[in-house]
Amino acid sequence: EYQWKGPFYFIQGADPQFGLMKAWTHGDTNNGDDEWGEEIKLAEQAVQAINKLNPKPKFFVLCGDLVHGMPGSRWKKNQEQDLKDVLKNTDRDIPLVFVSGNHDIGNTPTRETIDDYCKNWGDDYFSFWVGGVFFLVLNSQLYFDSSKCPELRQAQDAWLDEQLAVAANQNCKHIIVFQHIPLFLSKPDEDDDYFNLDKSVRQEIMEKFHKAGIRAVFSGHYHRNAGGSYKGLEMVVSSAIGCQLGQDTHGLRVVVVTEEKVVHRYYSLTELGSHGIEKELLDMLAKQK
């Protein structure tokens, strides 16, 4: 879909992370993830809310940490199977887009953990077009720590440069990126933290994205809503469908793409399920080409 066909919207979710709620409550984030009934209910609520929306979203993207179990951990396979069982109920006309998170491929990923993820959920980085807008899904773990698979980081970098060159030639309306770890939480020059990318890497990526004219980066990982901007590039950090680490509610982000801009709002699962999208955003969608 290289051509602009008028405004549309998609749904962004992050961190369903089956198993974290119990692990967090019990203060054992390494082995305490042996129950995830609460997360199953929340993921079901998210799917039900999305299925009710009219018009339908173009797709539903999950920005990483699909489950809590790290590669090789005891409950990972069961958690993944339960998440798949919930997601199978998503309306067939709403494609699912998966982004790899640190819990999906490990804090220090290897070729094996990435291969395993790809067999389960699809490629760890890829691009796609929707109505004249170019979307890029990146594996942010390769930016976080690629010490065990440096060649995969190089491959993603080379691929990204090629994709940005394609986008420049195609005259796309916007370029939007999805990744798990935010570039930054509120300020481009903030200190390094578990929840952002190291300054040296961050600076290089932000500059590359800015030069390519990327409009926005959507991520998760923080389990709270946050964000900021760098030279017109918006960094959007969405809170979790699952465990909350701050004051936000379990929720989803509705992202409306118009010819001029990308507008988004975070909704609690309850609010989206009972009231749907507010009139202001629906009006933007109704403005035909």
Protein backbone atom coordinates (compact mmCIF):
# COMPACT_ATOMS: atom_id res chain seq x y z
CA GLU A 1 0.00 0.00 0.00
CA TYR A 2 2.40 2.68 -1.22
CA GLN A 3 -0.39 5.19 -1.92
CA TRP A 4 -2.00 7.51 0.58
CA LYS A 5 -5.71 6.63 0.81
CA GLY A 6 -6.85 8.96 3.57
CA PRO A 7 -6.66 8.89 7.39
CA PHE A 8 -6.54 5.59 9.29
CA TYR A 9 -5.67 4.36 12.76
CA PHE A 10 -3.98 1.45 14.49
CA ILE A 11 -3.79 0.14 18.06
CA GLN A 12 -0.55 -0.08 20.00
CA GLY A 13 -0.22 -2.28 23.07
CA ALA A 14 2.85 -3.28 25.06
CA ASP A 15 4.01 -5.69 27.75
CA PRO A 16 1.18 -8.17 28.27
CA GLN A 17 4.08 -9.95 30.03
CA PHE A 18 2.29 -13.05 31.35
CA GLY A 19 3.74 -13.86 34.78
CA LEU A 20 5.12 -10.49 35.90
CA MET A 21 2.23 -9.50 38.20
CA LYS A 22 2.77 -12.37 40.62
CA ALA A 23 6.57 -12.18 40.32
CA TRP A 24 6.48 -8.43 41.09
CA THR A 25 4.11 -8.80 44.05
CA HIS A 26 6.25 -11.58 45.52
CA GLY A 27 9.50 -9.72 44.90
CA ASP A 28 10.91 -12.64 42.89
CA THR A 29 11.17 -11.51 39.27
CA ASN A 30 13.42 -14.45 38.33
CA ASN A 31 11.28 -17.41 39.43
CA GLY A 32 8.02 -16.01 40.76
CA ASP A 33 6.18 -16.08 37.44
CA ASP A 34 4.31 -19.37 37.94
CA GLU A 35 0.82 -17.79 37.71
CA TRP A 36 -0.60 -15.43 35.11
CA GLY A 37 -4.37 -15.70 35.37
CA GLU A 38 -4.66 -11.96 35.94
CA GLU A 39 -2.72 -11.18 32.75
CA ILE A 40 -4.85 -13.61 30.73
CA LYS A 41 -7.96 -11.66 31.80
CA LEU A 42 -6.36 -8.33 30.88
CA ALA A 43 -5.23 -9.59 27.46
CA GLU A 44 -8.75 -10.95 26.85
CA GLN A 45 -10.18 -7.57 27.82
CA ALA A 46 -7.79 -5.88 25.35
CA VAL A 47 -8.82 -8.20 22.50
CA GLN A 48 -12.53 -7.72 23.25
CA ALA A 49 -12.14 -3.92 23.29
CA ILE A 50 -10.29 -3.95 19.94
CA ASN A 51 -12.83 -6.28 18.32
CA LYS A 52 -15.68 -3.89 19.15
CA LEU A 53 -14.11 -0.86 17.50
CA ASN A 54 -15.79 0.63 14.46
CA PRO A 55 -14.23 1.43 12.03
CA LYS A 56 -11.68 -1.35 12.53
CA PRO A 57 -8.05 -0.50 13.19
CA LYS A 58 -5.61 -1.26 10.36
CA PHE A 59 -3.57 -3.48 12.71
CA PHE A 60 -2.77 -4.20 16.36
CA VAL A 61 0.93 -3.97 17.30
CA LEU A 62 2.33 -5.44 20.52
CA CYS A 63 5.60 -3.70 21.44
CA GLY A 64 7.43 -6.53 23.19
CA ASP A 65 7.61 -8.47 26.44
CA LEU A 66 4.85 -10.76 25.29
CA VAL A 67 5.53 -12.99 28.31
CA HIS A 68 7.65 -12.65 31.44
CA GLY A 69 9.64 -15.90 31.22
CA MET A 70 13.15 -15.30 29.88
CA PRO A 71 14.50 -17.71 27.21
CA GLY A 72 14.97 -21.16 28.74
CA SER A 73 12.98 -20.38 31.88
CA ARG A 74 10.50 -22.86 33.29
CA TRP A 75 7.14 -21.30 32.38
CA LYS A 76 7.97 -19.52 29.14
CA LYS A 77 6.40 -22.04 26.72
CA ASN A 78 3.16 -22.24 28.75
CA GLN A 79 2.97 -18.45 28.97
CA GLU A 80 3.46 -18.12 25.21
CA GLN A 81 0.81 -20.74 24.46
CA ASP A 82 -1.71 -19.02 26.72
CA LEU A 83 -1.04 -15.64 25.08
CA LYS A 84 -1.48 -17.18 21.61
CA ASP A 85 -4.78 -18.72 22.73
CA VAL A 86 -6.04 -15.26 23.76
CA LEU A 87 -4.76 -13.50 20.63
CA LYS A 88 -6.39 -16.09 18.34
CA ASN A 89 -9.69 -14.39 19.17
CA THR A 90 -8.63 -11.09 17.60
CA ASP A 91 -10.92 -10.19 14.67
CA ARG A 92 -9.46 -11.88 11.57
CA ASP A 93 -9.51 -8.59 9.68
CA ILE A 94 -7.11 -7.00 12.18
CA PRO A 95 -3.53 -8.15 11.51
CA LEU A 96 -1.26 -8.66 14.53
CA VAL A 97 2.25 -7.17 14.51
CA PHE A 98 4.79 -8.45 17.07
CA VAL A 99 7.88 -6.65 18.36
CA SER A 100 10.56 -8.50 20.33
CA GLY A 101 11.28 -7.40 23.91
CA ASN A 102 14.05 -8.24 26.37
CA HIS A 103 11.97 -10.96 28.02
CA ASP A 104 11.23 -12.50 24.62
CA ILE A 105 14.84 -12.87 23.48
CA GLY A 106 16.88 -12.18 26.65
CA ASN A 107 18.67 -9.07 27.92
CA THR A 108 21.74 -10.27 26.03
CA PRO A 109 20.21 -12.07 23.04
CA THR A 110 21.96 -14.85 21.14
CA ARG A 111 21.38 -16.23 17.66
CA GLU A 112 19.50 -19.13 19.32
CA THR A 113 17.14 -16.98 21.40
CA ILE A 114 16.36 -14.79 18.38
CA ASP A 115 15.78 -17.85 16.15
CA ASP A 116 13.42 -19.27 18.75
CA TYR A 117 11.48 -15.98 18.89
CA CYS A 118 11.25 -15.86 15.08
CA LYS A 119 9.86 -19.41 14.93
CA ASN A 120 7.22 -18.45 17.49
CA TRP A 121 6.23 -14.90 16.59
CA GLY A 122 7.75 -13.93 13.24
CA ASP A 123 10.77 -11.85 12.21
CA ASP A 124 12.55 -9.78 14.83
CA TYR A 125 12.81 -6.85 12.39
CA PHE A 126 10.84 -6.07 9.24
CA SER A 127 8.97 -3.29 7.43
CA PHE A 128 5.49 -2.90 5.99
CA TRP A 129 3.33 -0.30 4.25
CA VAL A 130 -0.18 0.81 5.14
CA GLY A 131 -1.90 3.45 3.02
CA GLY A 132 1.24 5.36 2.02
CA VAL A 133 2.83 5.15 5.48
CA PHE A 134 6.03 3.17 6.01
CA PHE A 135 6.36 1.19 9.25
CA LEU A 136 9.58 -0.28 10.64
CA VAL A 137 9.75 -2.90 13.40
CA LEU A 138 13.17 -3.05 15.08
CA ASN A 139 14.87 -5.42 17.51
CA SER A 140 15.96 -2.91 20.18
CA GLN A 141 17.77 -5.63 22.15
CA LEU A 142 20.49 -5.53 19.48
CA TYR A 143 21.03 -1.86 20.43
CA PHE A 144 20.94 -2.67 24.14
CA ASP A 145 23.51 -5.51 24.16
CA SER A 146 24.59 -7.37 21.03
CA SER A 147 27.79 -8.73 22.58
CA LYS A 148 26.79 -12.35 21.91
CA CYS A 149 25.63 -11.76 18.33
CA PRO A 150 27.44 -8.68 16.92
CA GLU A 151 26.89 -9.89 13.35
CA LEU A 152 23.10 -9.71 13.86
CA ARG A 153 23.37 -6.11 15.02
CA GLN A 154 25.42 -5.29 11.90
CA ALA A 155 22.84 -7.02 9.72
CA GLN A 156 19.97 -5.02 11.25
CA ASP A 157 21.93 -1.76 10.84
CA ALA A 158 22.64 -2.47 7.17
CA TRP A 159 19.03 -3.46 6.58
CA LEU A 160 17.74 -0.32 8.30
CA ASP A 161 19.90 1.93 6.10
CA GLU A 162 18.54 0.17 3.00
CA GLN A 163 14.95 0.54 4.22
CA LEU A 164 15.39 4.26 4.92
CA ALA A 165 16.82 4.71 1.41
CA VAL A 166 13.72 2.95 -0.02
CA ALA A 167 11.44 5.20 2.05
CA ALA A 168 13.23 8.31 0.76
CA ASN A 169 12.62 7.23 -2.84
CA GLN A 170 8.99 6.24 -2.32
CA ASN A 171 7.82 9.63 -1.12
CA CYS A 172 5.88 8.14 1.80
CA LYS A 173 3.61 10.30 3.96
CA HIS A 174 5.21 9.30 7.27
CA ILE A 175 7.73 6.82 8.64
CA ILE A 176 6.85 5.27 11.99
CA VAL A 177 9.05 2.95 14.08
CA PHE A 178 8.10 0.27 16.64
CA GLN A 179 10.64 -1.04 19.14
CA HIS A 180 10.50 -2.37 22.69
CA ILE A 181 13.06 -0.21 24.55
CA PRO A 182 12.50 3.55 24.26
CA LEU A 183 15.31 5.71 22.91
CA PHE A 184 14.62 7.91 25.95
CA LEU A 185 11.82 8.36 28.50
CA SER A 186 11.40 12.13 28.55
CA LYS A 187 14.57 13.95 27.43
CA PRO A 188 16.95 13.03 24.60
CA ASP A 189 19.98 13.72 26.81
CA GLU A 190 18.74 11.98 30.00
CA ASP A 191 21.10 9.64 31.87
CA ASP A 192 21.43 5.97 30.96
CA ASP A 193 18.90 3.79 32.72
CA TYR A 194 17.53 0.24 32.60
CA PHE A 195 14.51 1.63 30.73
CA ASN A 196 16.25 3.53 27.91
CA LEU A 197 19.08 3.01 25.43
CA ASP A 198 22.65 4.06 26.27
CA LYS A 199 23.42 7.66 25.33
CA SER A 200 26.09 6.80 22.75
CA VAL A 201 23.80 4.43 20.82
CA ARG A 202 20.76 6.65 21.41
CA GLN A 203 22.38 9.74 19.91
CA GLU A 204 23.38 7.89 16.77
CA ILE A 205 19.92 6.36 16.27
CA MET A 206 18.05 9.61 17.01
CA GLU A 207 20.17 11.49 14.49
CA LYS A 208 19.68 8.76 11.86
CA PHE A 209 15.90 8.78 12.47
CA HIS A 210 15.76 12.58 12.39
CA LYS A 211 17.67 12.75 9.08
CA ALA A 212 15.38 10.11 7.57
CA GLY A 213 12.34 12.20 8.55
CA ILE A 214 10.90 9.59 10.92
CA ARG A 215 7.82 11.03 12.58
CA ALA A 216 7.44 8.89 15.69
CA VAL A 217 8.87 5.93 17.61
CA PHE A 218 6.41 3.85 19.67
CA SER A 219 7.71 1.62 22.42
CA GLY A 220 6.84 -0.10 25.71
CA HIS A 221 9.20 -1.59 28.34
CA TYR A 222 8.61 1.12 30.99
CA HIS A 223 5.17 -0.10 32.21
CA ARG A 224 4.21 3.59 32.51
CA ASN A 225 3.32 6.26 29.96
CA ALA A 226 6.12 8.66 29.08
CA GLY A 227 7.73 10.37 26.11
CA GLY A 228 9.31 13.45 24.63
CA SER A 229 10.78 14.67 21.37
CA TYR A 230 14.07 15.19 19.56
CA LYS A 231 14.19 17.64 16.63
CA GLY A 232 10.60 16.85 15.60
CA LEU A 233 10.92 13.09 16.20
CA GLU A 234 8.34 12.07 18.80
CA MET A 235 9.23 9.32 21.30
CA VAL A 236 6.04 7.68 22.59
CA VAL A 237 6.32 5.29 25.56
CA SER A 238 3.13 3.33 26.26
CA SER A 239 2.23 1.68 29.53
CA ALA A 240 1.46 -2.02 29.79
CA ILE A 241 -1.56 -4.16 29.08
CA GLY A 242 -0.22 -6.22 32.00
CA CYS A 243 1.63 -5.24 35.20
CA GLN A 244 1.74 -1.49 35.99
CA LEU A 245 4.87 -0.10 37.65
CA GLY A 246 3.45 3.43 37.99
CA GLN A 247 0.09 5.14 38.33
CA ASP A 248 -1.28 4.35 34.86
CA THR A 249 -4.08 1.91 34.12
CA HIS A 250 -3.87 -1.27 32.03
CA GLY A 251 -4.45 0.11 28.56
CA LEU A 252 -3.92 0.50 24.85
CA ARG A 253 -2.94 3.44 22.66
CA VAL A 254 -5.07 4.54 19.72
CA VAL A 255 -2.94 6.13 16.98
CA VAL A 256 -4.60 8.14 14.22
CA VAL A 257 -2.55 8.88 11.10
CA THR A 258 -3.65 11.85 9.00
CA GLU A 259 -1.92 13.40 6.01
CA GLU A 260 -0.24 16.02 8.21
CA LYS A 261 0.26 14.34 11.55
CA VAL A 262 0.24 11.36 13.87
CA VAL A 263 -2.11 11.84 16.83
CA HIS A 264 -2.44 9.36 19.68
CA ARG A 265 -4.20 8.83 22.95
CA TYR A 266 -3.82 6.21 25.68
CA TYR A 267 -7.07 4.59 26.87
CA SER A 268 -7.66 2.31 29.83
CA LEU A 269 -8.95 -1.12 28.73
CA THR A 270 -12.24 -0.41 30.50
CA GLU A 271 -12.68 2.98 28.83
CA LEU A 272 -11.87 1.68 25.33
CA GLY A 273 -14.07 -1.39 25.82
CA SER A 274 -17.10 0.54 27.05
CA HIS A 275 -16.92 3.87 25.18
CA GLY A 276 -14.67 3.19 22.18
CA ILE A 277 -12.72 6.00 20.53
CA GLU A 278 -13.67 9.59 21.34
CA LYS A 279 -15.42 11.80 18.79
CA GLU A 280 -12.44 14.10 18.24
CA LEU A 281 -10.33 11.22 16.88
CA LEU A 282 -13.22 9.69 14.92
CA ASP A 283 -13.76 13.07 13.23
CA MET A 284 -10.14 13.04 12.05
CA LEU A 285 -10.72 9.63 10.48
CA ALA A 286 -13.88 10.82 8.75
CA LYS A 287 -12.04 13.56 6.83
CA GLN A 288 -11.68 11.79 3.53
CA LYS A 289 -8.95 12.51 0.99
